[in-house]
Amino acid sequence: MSQDFDDYDDDGGGFDVDDWSRLTPFIGAVATLEDVQAHRAIFALADTDDAKPIEMDLPQPLIWWEDDGEQAAVAVQAETHIGSDGETMEVLGLVLPDGSGAVALMDDVDLVDDTDPTWRDLVANAVIGADDED
């Protein structure tokens, strides 16, 4: 799932290796559709039970393992939900270097710190790639 946050910030809401920590996290509550529409949160899940925020330091750099390979991101939202199958899902709202938003399961990410060389390279390559598109 991806959402464009171009009007989230003057710079599109993106980040580089030096300014990721300025991203505003959504903490202390489970997000609603109104939070997403107001660009305070990345996602709001419906049709789940026992939704709660996950206690973790946010924003949090991470490497997201998706179908196209690894991608640098920063988690700005973290919630746990019980799905219709009774399984617990730990869901993260991510901001990508280009400022777009994405949703990932905790199982699909590696939490890192901003000194991680792989994360730094992925961010730098994403920022360079975005510059090439302009």
N, C-alpha and C. Protein backbone atom coordinates (compact mmCIF):
# COMPACT_ATOMS: atom_id res chain seq x y z
N MET A 1 0.84 -1.17 0.00
CA MET A 1 0.00 0.00 0.00
C MET A 1 0.89 1.23 0.00
N SER A 2 0.61 2.19 -0.82
CA SER A 2 1.43 3.39 -0.88
C SER A 2 0.54 4.61 -0.99
N GLN A 3 0.97 5.68 -0.36
CA GLN A 3 0.21 6.92 -0.39
C GLN A 3 1.21 8.05 -0.64
N ASP A 4 0.83 9.01 -1.45
CA ASP A 4 1.70 10.12 -1.77
C ASP A 4 1.50 11.24 -0.76
N PHE A 5 2.58 11.70 -0.18
CA PHE A 5 2.52 12.76 0.81
C PHE A 5 3.17 14.03 0.29
N ASP A 6 2.98 14.33 -1.00
CA ASP A 6 3.62 15.50 -1.59
C ASP A 6 3.28 16.80 -0.89
N ASP A 7 2.05 16.92 -0.36
CA ASP A 7 1.71 18.17 0.30
C ASP A 7 1.91 18.08 1.81
N TYR A 8 2.53 17.00 2.28
CA TYR A 8 2.79 16.80 3.69
C TYR A 8 3.76 17.84 4.22
N ASP A 9 4.67 18.27 3.42
CA ASP A 9 5.76 19.13 3.85
C ASP A 9 6.21 19.92 2.63
N ASP A 10 6.89 21.02 2.84
CA ASP A 10 7.36 21.81 1.70
C ASP A 10 8.29 21.01 0.80
N ASP A 11 9.04 20.07 1.38
CA ASP A 11 9.97 19.27 0.58
C ASP A 11 9.38 17.93 0.17
N GLY A 12 8.07 17.78 0.30
CA GLY A 12 7.42 16.54 -0.08
C GLY A 12 7.42 15.50 1.02
N GLY A 13 7.98 15.84 2.18
CA GLY A 13 7.96 14.90 3.30
C GLY A 13 9.04 13.86 3.24
N GLY A 14 9.90 13.91 2.24
CA GLY A 14 10.97 12.93 2.13
C GLY A 14 12.09 13.20 3.12
N PHE A 15 13.13 12.41 3.03
CA PHE A 15 14.25 12.56 3.95
C PHE A 15 15.53 12.08 3.29
N ASP A 16 16.65 12.45 3.90
CA ASP A 16 17.94 11.88 3.54
C ASP A 16 18.61 11.37 4.81
N VAL A 17 19.85 10.91 4.72
CA VAL A 17 20.49 10.28 5.87
C VAL A 17 20.72 11.24 7.02
N ASP A 18 20.67 12.54 6.76
CA ASP A 18 20.96 13.53 7.80
C ASP A 18 19.71 14.14 8.44
N ASP A 19 18.54 14.03 7.80
CA ASP A 19 17.38 14.75 8.35
C ASP A 19 16.15 13.87 8.60
N TRP A 20 16.30 12.57 8.62
CA TRP A 20 15.18 11.66 8.82
C TRP A 20 14.50 11.86 10.18
N SER A 21 15.25 12.28 11.19
CA SER A 21 14.70 12.36 12.55
C SER A 21 13.68 13.49 12.71
N ARG A 22 13.56 14.37 11.71
CA ARG A 22 12.57 15.45 11.80
C ARG A 22 11.17 14.98 11.42
N LEU A 23 11.05 13.76 10.90
CA LEU A 23 9.73 13.23 10.53
C LEU A 23 8.86 13.12 11.77
N THR A 24 7.61 13.51 11.64
CA THR A 24 6.69 13.53 12.77
C THR A 24 6.01 12.18 12.93
N PRO A 25 6.20 11.51 14.08
CA PRO A 25 5.54 10.22 14.27
C PRO A 25 4.09 10.37 14.71
N PHE A 26 3.32 9.34 14.48
CA PHE A 26 1.94 9.25 14.98
C PHE A 26 2.00 8.25 16.13
N ILE A 27 1.88 8.74 17.36
CA ILE A 27 2.05 7.88 18.53
C ILE A 27 0.91 8.08 19.53
N GLY A 28 0.75 7.10 20.40
CA GLY A 28 -0.18 7.23 21.51
C GLY A 28 -1.63 6.92 21.21
N ALA A 29 -1.95 6.57 19.97
CA ALA A 29 -3.34 6.28 19.61
C ALA A 29 -3.36 5.40 18.36
N VAL A 30 -4.51 4.81 18.11
CA VAL A 30 -4.73 4.07 16.87
C VAL A 30 -5.29 5.06 15.86
N ALA A 31 -4.73 5.08 14.68
CA ALA A 31 -5.11 6.07 13.67
C ALA A 31 -6.50 5.81 13.11
N THR A 32 -7.18 6.90 12.79
CA THR A 32 -8.48 6.86 12.13
C THR A 32 -8.32 7.32 10.69
N LEU A 33 -9.37 7.14 9.91
CA LEU A 33 -9.36 7.62 8.54
C LEU A 33 -9.11 9.13 8.50
N GLU A 34 -9.66 9.85 9.46
CA GLU A 34 -9.46 11.30 9.52
C GLU A 34 -7.99 11.65 9.75
N ASP A 35 -7.28 10.84 10.56
CA ASP A 35 -5.84 11.07 10.77
C ASP A 35 -5.07 10.89 9.47
N VAL A 36 -5.45 9.89 8.69
CA VAL A 36 -4.78 9.65 7.41
C VAL A 36 -5.08 10.79 6.44
N GLN A 37 -6.34 11.20 6.36
CA GLN A 37 -6.72 12.28 5.44
C GLN A 37 -6.05 13.59 5.81
N ALA A 38 -5.77 13.80 7.09
CA ALA A 38 -5.10 15.03 7.54
C ALA A 38 -3.57 14.88 7.52
N HIS A 39 -3.07 13.76 6.99
CA HIS A 39 -1.63 13.48 6.87
C HIS A 39 -0.93 13.42 8.21
N ARG A 40 -1.65 13.04 9.27
CA ARG A 40 -1.04 12.81 10.58
C ARG A 40 -0.57 11.37 10.70
N ALA A 41 -1.20 10.46 9.95
CA ALA A 41 -0.89 9.04 10.00
C ALA A 41 -0.79 8.49 8.58
N ILE A 42 -0.11 7.36 8.45
CA ILE A 42 0.06 6.71 7.15
C ILE A 42 -1.12 5.81 6.82
N PHE A 43 -1.65 5.09 7.82
CA PHE A 43 -2.72 4.13 7.56
C PHE A 43 -3.74 4.12 8.70
N ALA A 44 -4.91 3.62 8.38
CA ALA A 44 -5.96 3.33 9.36
C ALA A 44 -6.60 2.02 8.92
N LEU A 45 -6.59 1.03 9.80
CA LEU A 45 -7.16 -0.27 9.45
C LEU A 45 -8.57 -0.40 9.99
N ALA A 46 -9.44 -0.97 9.18
CA ALA A 46 -10.81 -1.26 9.59
C ALA A 46 -10.95 -2.78 9.69
N ASP A 47 -12.03 -3.22 10.28
CA ASP A 47 -12.34 -4.65 10.36
C ASP A 47 -11.26 -5.47 11.07
N THR A 48 -10.65 -4.89 12.10
CA THR A 48 -9.73 -5.63 12.95
C THR A 48 -10.18 -5.46 14.39
N ASP A 49 -9.64 -6.28 15.27
CA ASP A 49 -10.00 -6.22 16.68
C ASP A 49 -8.78 -5.84 17.53
N ASP A 50 -9.07 -5.33 18.72
CA ASP A 50 -8.06 -5.06 19.74
C ASP A 50 -6.86 -4.26 19.20
N ALA A 51 -7.16 -3.21 18.46
CA ALA A 51 -6.10 -2.37 17.91
C ALA A 51 -5.45 -1.55 19.02
N LYS A 52 -4.11 -1.50 19.01
CA LYS A 52 -3.36 -0.72 19.99
C LYS A 52 -2.10 -0.18 19.35
N PRO A 53 -1.63 0.98 19.82
CA PRO A 53 -0.32 1.43 19.36
C PRO A 53 0.76 0.52 19.93
N ILE A 54 1.82 0.33 19.18
CA ILE A 54 2.98 -0.43 19.66
C ILE A 54 3.93 0.56 20.33
N GLU A 55 4.38 0.20 21.51
CA GLU A 55 5.34 1.04 22.22
C GLU A 55 6.72 0.86 21.58
N MET A 56 7.17 1.85 20.85
CA MET A 56 8.52 1.83 20.28
C MET A 56 8.93 3.26 19.98
N ASP A 57 10.22 3.49 19.93
CA ASP A 57 10.73 4.81 19.60
C ASP A 57 10.47 5.10 18.13
N LEU A 58 9.79 6.18 17.87
CA LEU A 58 9.50 6.61 16.50
C LEU A 58 9.92 8.07 16.36
N PRO A 59 10.42 8.51 15.24
CA PRO A 59 10.65 7.75 14.00
C PRO A 59 11.79 6.75 14.17
N GLN A 60 11.73 5.68 13.37
CA GLN A 60 12.68 4.58 13.46
C GLN A 60 13.17 4.18 12.06
N PRO A 61 14.47 4.34 11.77
CA PRO A 61 15.00 3.87 10.49
C PRO A 61 14.87 2.36 10.37
N LEU A 62 14.66 1.89 9.16
CA LEU A 62 14.54 0.45 8.94
C LEU A 62 14.81 0.12 7.49
N ILE A 63 15.03 -1.15 7.26
CA ILE A 63 15.14 -1.69 5.90
C ILE A 63 13.91 -2.56 5.69
N TRP A 64 13.15 -2.23 4.66
CA TRP A 64 11.91 -2.92 4.33
C TRP A 64 12.21 -3.92 3.23
N TRP A 65 11.87 -5.17 3.48
CA TRP A 65 12.06 -6.24 2.50
C TRP A 65 10.74 -6.43 1.76
N GLU A 66 10.68 -5.91 0.54
CA GLU A 66 9.47 -6.03 -0.26
C GLU A 66 9.76 -6.86 -1.50
N ASP A 67 8.76 -7.06 -2.35
CA ASP A 67 8.92 -7.92 -3.53
C ASP A 67 10.06 -7.47 -4.43
N ASP A 68 10.30 -6.16 -4.52
CA ASP A 68 11.33 -5.64 -5.42
C ASP A 68 12.71 -5.59 -4.77
N GLY A 69 12.86 -6.13 -3.57
CA GLY A 69 14.14 -6.11 -2.88
C GLY A 69 14.07 -5.24 -1.64
N GLU A 70 15.24 -4.83 -1.17
CA GLU A 70 15.28 -4.04 0.05
C GLU A 70 15.16 -2.56 -0.26
N GLN A 71 14.54 -1.84 0.69
CA GLN A 71 14.30 -0.42 0.52
C GLN A 71 14.44 0.26 1.88
N ALA A 72 15.09 1.41 1.89
CA ALA A 72 15.22 2.19 3.12
C ALA A 72 13.90 2.89 3.39
N ALA A 73 13.56 3.00 4.67
CA ALA A 73 12.36 3.71 5.08
C ALA A 73 12.54 4.14 6.53
N VAL A 74 11.58 4.94 6.99
CA VAL A 74 11.51 5.34 8.39
C VAL A 74 10.09 5.06 8.87
N ALA A 75 9.97 4.28 9.95
CA ALA A 75 8.66 4.02 10.54
C ALA A 75 8.24 5.24 11.34
N VAL A 76 7.00 5.70 11.10
CA VAL A 76 6.45 6.84 11.83
C VAL A 76 5.15 6.47 12.55
N GLN A 77 4.71 5.23 12.38
CA GLN A 77 3.47 4.75 12.98
C GLN A 77 3.62 3.26 13.23
N ALA A 78 3.15 2.77 14.38
CA ALA A 78 3.25 1.35 14.71
C ALA A 78 2.02 0.93 15.51
N GLU A 79 1.30 -0.07 14.99
CA GLU A 79 0.09 -0.54 15.64
C GLU A 79 0.03 -2.06 15.58
N THR A 80 -0.65 -2.64 16.55
CA THR A 80 -0.92 -4.07 16.53
C THR A 80 -2.44 -4.25 16.39
N HIS A 81 -2.83 -5.19 15.54
CA HIS A 81 -4.23 -5.47 15.26
C HIS A 81 -4.43 -6.98 15.22
N ILE A 82 -5.61 -7.42 15.59
CA ILE A 82 -5.96 -8.83 15.44
C ILE A 82 -6.90 -8.93 14.24
N GLY A 83 -6.46 -9.68 13.24
CA GLY A 83 -7.22 -9.83 12.01
C GLY A 83 -8.40 -10.77 12.16
N SER A 84 -9.21 -10.87 11.12
CA SER A 84 -10.40 -11.71 11.14
C SER A 84 -10.05 -13.19 11.33
N ASP A 85 -8.81 -13.57 11.02
CA ASP A 85 -8.37 -14.95 11.20
C ASP A 85 -7.84 -15.22 12.61
N GLY A 86 -7.86 -14.18 13.48
CA GLY A 86 -7.38 -14.33 14.84
C GLY A 86 -5.89 -14.11 15.01
N GLU A 87 -5.20 -13.87 13.90
CA GLU A 87 -3.76 -13.65 13.93
C GLU A 87 -3.45 -12.21 14.31
N THR A 88 -2.42 -12.02 15.13
CA THR A 88 -1.96 -10.69 15.49
C THR A 88 -1.05 -10.16 14.39
N MET A 89 -1.31 -8.94 13.96
CA MET A 89 -0.49 -8.28 12.95
C MET A 89 0.16 -7.05 13.59
N GLU A 90 1.47 -6.93 13.44
CA GLU A 90 2.17 -5.72 13.84
C GLU A 90 2.42 -4.93 12.56
N VAL A 91 1.78 -3.77 12.46
CA VAL A 91 1.75 -3.01 11.22
C VAL A 91 2.48 -1.68 11.42
N LEU A 92 3.30 -1.33 10.44
CA LEU A 92 4.07 -0.09 10.48
C LEU A 92 3.67 0.83 9.35
N GLY A 93 3.58 2.12 9.66
CA GLY A 93 3.41 3.15 8.64
C GLY A 93 4.79 3.71 8.34
N LEU A 94 5.18 3.67 7.08
CA LEU A 94 6.52 4.05 6.66
C LEU A 94 6.51 5.31 5.82
N VAL A 95 7.57 6.10 5.94
CA VAL A 95 7.85 7.17 5.00
C VAL A 95 9.10 6.75 4.24
N LEU A 96 9.01 6.82 2.92
CA LEU A 96 10.14 6.48 2.06
C LEU A 96 10.95 7.74 1.75
N PRO A 97 12.19 7.59 1.30
CA PRO A 97 13.02 8.77 1.06
C PRO A 97 12.40 9.81 0.13
N ASP A 98 11.54 9.38 -0.80
CA ASP A 98 10.93 10.33 -1.72
C ASP A 98 9.69 11.03 -1.13
N GLY A 99 9.35 10.67 0.11
CA GLY A 99 8.20 11.30 0.77
C GLY A 99 6.91 10.52 0.65
N SER A 100 6.91 9.44 -0.11
CA SER A 100 5.68 8.64 -0.21
C SER A 100 5.54 7.79 1.04
N GLY A 101 4.33 7.35 1.30
CA GLY A 101 4.05 6.52 2.45
C GLY A 101 3.79 5.09 2.01
N ALA A 102 4.05 4.15 2.92
CA ALA A 102 3.81 2.74 2.65
C ALA A 102 3.44 2.05 3.96
N VAL A 103 2.84 0.88 3.85
CA VAL A 103 2.45 0.09 5.00
C VAL A 103 3.17 -1.25 4.91
N ALA A 104 3.79 -1.68 6.02
CA ALA A 104 4.51 -2.95 6.04
C ALA A 104 4.25 -3.67 7.35
N LEU A 105 4.39 -4.97 7.32
CA LEU A 105 4.31 -5.75 8.54
C LEU A 105 5.68 -5.76 9.21
N MET A 106 5.69 -5.80 10.53
CA MET A 106 6.94 -5.82 11.29
C MET A 106 7.83 -6.97 10.83
N ASP A 107 7.22 -8.10 10.45
CA ASP A 107 7.98 -9.26 10.00
C ASP A 107 8.76 -9.00 8.72
N ASP A 108 8.40 -7.95 7.98
CA ASP A 108 9.03 -7.66 6.69
C ASP A 108 10.07 -6.55 6.76
N VAL A 109 10.49 -6.17 7.99
CA VAL A 109 11.47 -5.10 8.12
C VAL A 109 12.57 -5.51 9.09
N ASP A 110 13.72 -4.87 8.94
CA ASP A 110 14.81 -4.95 9.91
C ASP A 110 14.99 -3.56 10.48
N LEU A 111 14.84 -3.43 11.80
CA LEU A 111 15.07 -2.15 12.46
C LEU A 111 16.58 -1.92 12.52
N VAL A 112 17.01 -0.72 12.17
CA VAL A 112 18.43 -0.37 12.14
C VAL A 112 18.60 1.00 12.79
N ASP A 113 19.83 1.43 12.94
CA ASP A 113 20.03 2.82 13.33
C ASP A 113 20.60 3.56 12.13
N ASP A 114 20.68 4.88 12.24
CA ASP A 114 21.05 5.68 11.07
C ASP A 114 22.52 5.57 10.70
N THR A 115 23.29 4.77 11.44
CA THR A 115 24.69 4.55 11.05
C THR A 115 24.84 3.27 10.22
N ASP A 116 23.76 2.50 10.07
CA ASP A 116 23.82 1.26 9.31
C ASP A 116 24.22 1.55 7.87
N PRO A 117 25.32 0.97 7.39
CA PRO A 117 25.80 1.32 6.04
C PRO A 117 24.84 0.92 4.93
N THR A 118 24.14 -0.19 5.08
CA THR A 118 23.17 -0.60 4.04
C THR A 118 22.04 0.40 3.98
N TRP A 119 21.49 0.79 5.13
CA TRP A 119 20.40 1.78 5.16
C TRP A 119 20.86 3.09 4.53
N ARG A 120 22.05 3.56 4.91
CA ARG A 120 22.56 4.83 4.37
C ARG A 120 22.72 4.76 2.85
N ASP A 121 23.24 3.64 2.35
CA ASP A 121 23.39 3.48 0.89
C ASP A 121 22.04 3.46 0.19
N LEU A 122 21.05 2.75 0.78
CA LEU A 122 19.73 2.69 0.18
C LEU A 122 19.08 4.07 0.14
N VAL A 123 19.23 4.84 1.22
CA VAL A 123 18.68 6.20 1.25
C VAL A 123 19.37 7.06 0.19
N ALA A 124 20.69 7.03 0.16
CA ALA A 124 21.44 7.86 -0.79
C ALA A 124 21.06 7.51 -2.23
N ASN A 125 20.94 6.22 -2.53
CA ASN A 125 20.56 5.81 -3.89
C ASN A 125 19.14 6.23 -4.23
N ALA A 126 18.23 6.18 -3.27
CA ALA A 126 16.85 6.62 -3.51
C ALA A 126 16.80 8.12 -3.75
N VAL A 127 17.58 8.89 -2.99
CA VAL A 127 17.61 10.34 -3.15
C VAL A 127 18.21 10.71 -4.50
N ILE A 128 19.29 10.03 -4.89
CA ILE A 128 19.91 10.28 -6.20
C ILE A 128 18.94 9.93 -7.31
N GLY A 129 18.25 8.80 -7.18
CA GLY A 129 17.26 8.38 -8.18
C GLY A 129 16.14 9.37 -8.32
N ALA A 130 15.69 9.95 -7.20
CA ALA A 130 14.61 10.96 -7.25
C ALA A 130 15.11 12.22 -7.94
N ASP A 131 16.37 12.60 -7.69
CA ASP A 131 16.94 13.77 -8.35
C ASP A 131 17.02 13.57 -9.85
N ASP A 132 17.33 12.35 -10.27
CA ASP A 132 17.44 12.04 -11.70
C ASP A 132 16.10 12.16 -12.42
N GLU A 133 14.99 11.97 -11.70
CA GLU A 133 13.67 12.04 -12.31
C GLU A 133 13.19 13.46 -12.53
N ASP A 134 13.80 14.42 -11.82
CA ASP A 134 13.36 15.83 -11.93
C ASP A 134 13.73 16.46 -13.25
